Amino acid sequence: MFTPITLAVLRWIHDARERAALRRLLEKDDRLLDDMGLTRAEIQDVLSEPGAVNLHERAKAQSRLSLALDGRL
């Protein structure tokens, strides 16, 4: 069983990886983002959330962005 501190560190690592993935999406061409059904504004909106916010939960509101984070797009 994980301790609360271990869980917090694992969540921080997970969120850092998701933020990195979102920043990589911002490097993509607008046409590619459009093909994925994403806009730069959607990605930037999620990135603007404070670090304590669960990015994956926030991205679920924008299902295409959630799929991109999961690597399914």
Protein backbone atom coordinates (compact mmCIF):
# COMPACT_ATOMS: atom_id res chain seq x y z
CA MET A 1 0.00 0.00 0.00
CA PHE A 2 1.25 3.49 -0.83
CA THR A 3 1.62 6.22 1.73
CA PRO A 4 -0.11 9.57 1.16
CA ILE A 5 3.26 11.17 0.39
CA THR A 6 4.08 8.50 -2.19
CA LEU A 7 0.67 8.98 -3.81
CA ALA A 8 1.20 12.76 -3.94
CA VAL A 9 4.60 12.31 -5.61
CA LEU A 10 3.16 9.86 -8.12
CA ARG A 11 0.31 12.29 -8.91
CA TRP A 12 2.83 15.13 -9.37
CA ILE A 13 4.90 13.00 -11.78
CA HIS A 14 1.77 12.03 -13.70
CA ASP A 15 0.62 15.64 -13.97
CA ALA A 16 4.09 16.78 -15.07
CA ARG A 17 4.03 14.21 -17.87
CA GLU A 18 0.56 15.30 -18.97
CA ARG A 19 1.62 18.96 -19.00
CA ALA A 20 4.64 18.01 -21.13
CA ALA A 21 2.36 16.13 -23.54
CA LEU A 22 0.07 19.16 -23.79
CA ARG A 23 3.03 21.45 -24.48
CA ARG A 24 4.14 19.06 -27.25
CA LEU A 25 0.65 19.32 -28.76
CA LEU A 26 1.05 23.10 -28.87
CA GLU A 27 4.11 22.59 -31.08
CA LYS A 28 1.99 20.84 -33.72
CA ASP A 29 0.67 22.46 -36.86
CA ASP A 30 -2.80 24.03 -36.69
CA ARG A 31 -4.07 21.68 -39.40
CA LEU A 32 -2.97 18.63 -37.42
CA LEU A 33 -4.68 19.96 -34.30
CA ASP A 34 -7.80 20.60 -36.37
CA ASP A 35 -7.68 17.02 -37.70
CA MET A 36 -7.57 15.86 -34.08
CA GLY A 37 -10.55 18.06 -33.27
CA LEU A 38 -8.49 20.27 -30.97
CA THR A 39 -7.80 23.96 -30.81
CA ARG A 40 -4.83 25.76 -29.30
CA ALA A 41 -7.26 27.61 -27.03
CA GLU A 42 -8.54 24.33 -25.55
CA ILE A 43 -5.02 23.13 -24.85
CA GLN A 44 -3.93 26.46 -23.40
CA ASP A 45 -7.06 26.56 -21.26
CA VAL A 46 -6.18 23.24 -19.64
CA LEU A 47 -2.52 24.27 -19.23
CA SER A 48 -3.57 27.47 -17.50
CA GLU A 49 -5.09 25.47 -14.64
CA PRO A 50 -3.06 25.42 -11.42
CA GLY A 51 -0.78 22.45 -10.87
CA ALA A 52 -3.01 21.00 -8.18
CA VAL A 53 -5.85 20.48 -10.67
CA ASN A 54 -6.10 16.96 -12.05
CA LEU A 55 -5.41 17.68 -15.72
CA HIS A 56 -6.88 14.43 -16.93
CA GLU A 57 -10.17 15.12 -15.17
CA ARG A 58 -10.16 18.66 -16.59
CA ALA A 59 -9.43 17.34 -20.07
CA LYS A 60 -12.32 14.88 -19.87
CA ALA A 61 -14.62 17.86 -20.33
CA GLN A 62 -12.97 18.16 -23.73
CA SER A 63 -13.11 14.51 -24.81
CA ARG A 64 -10.81 14.92 -27.81
CA LEU A 65 -8.11 16.35 -25.58
CA SER A 66 -8.52 13.44 -23.18
CA LEU A 67 -8.08 11.00 -26.08
CA ALA A 68 -4.95 12.86 -27.19
CA LEU A 69 -3.47 12.60 -23.71
CA ASP A 70 -4.23 8.89 -23.66
CA GLY A 71 -2.43 8.52 -27.00
CA ARG A 72 -5.56 7.34 -28.79
CA LEU A 73 -5.60 10.20 -31.32
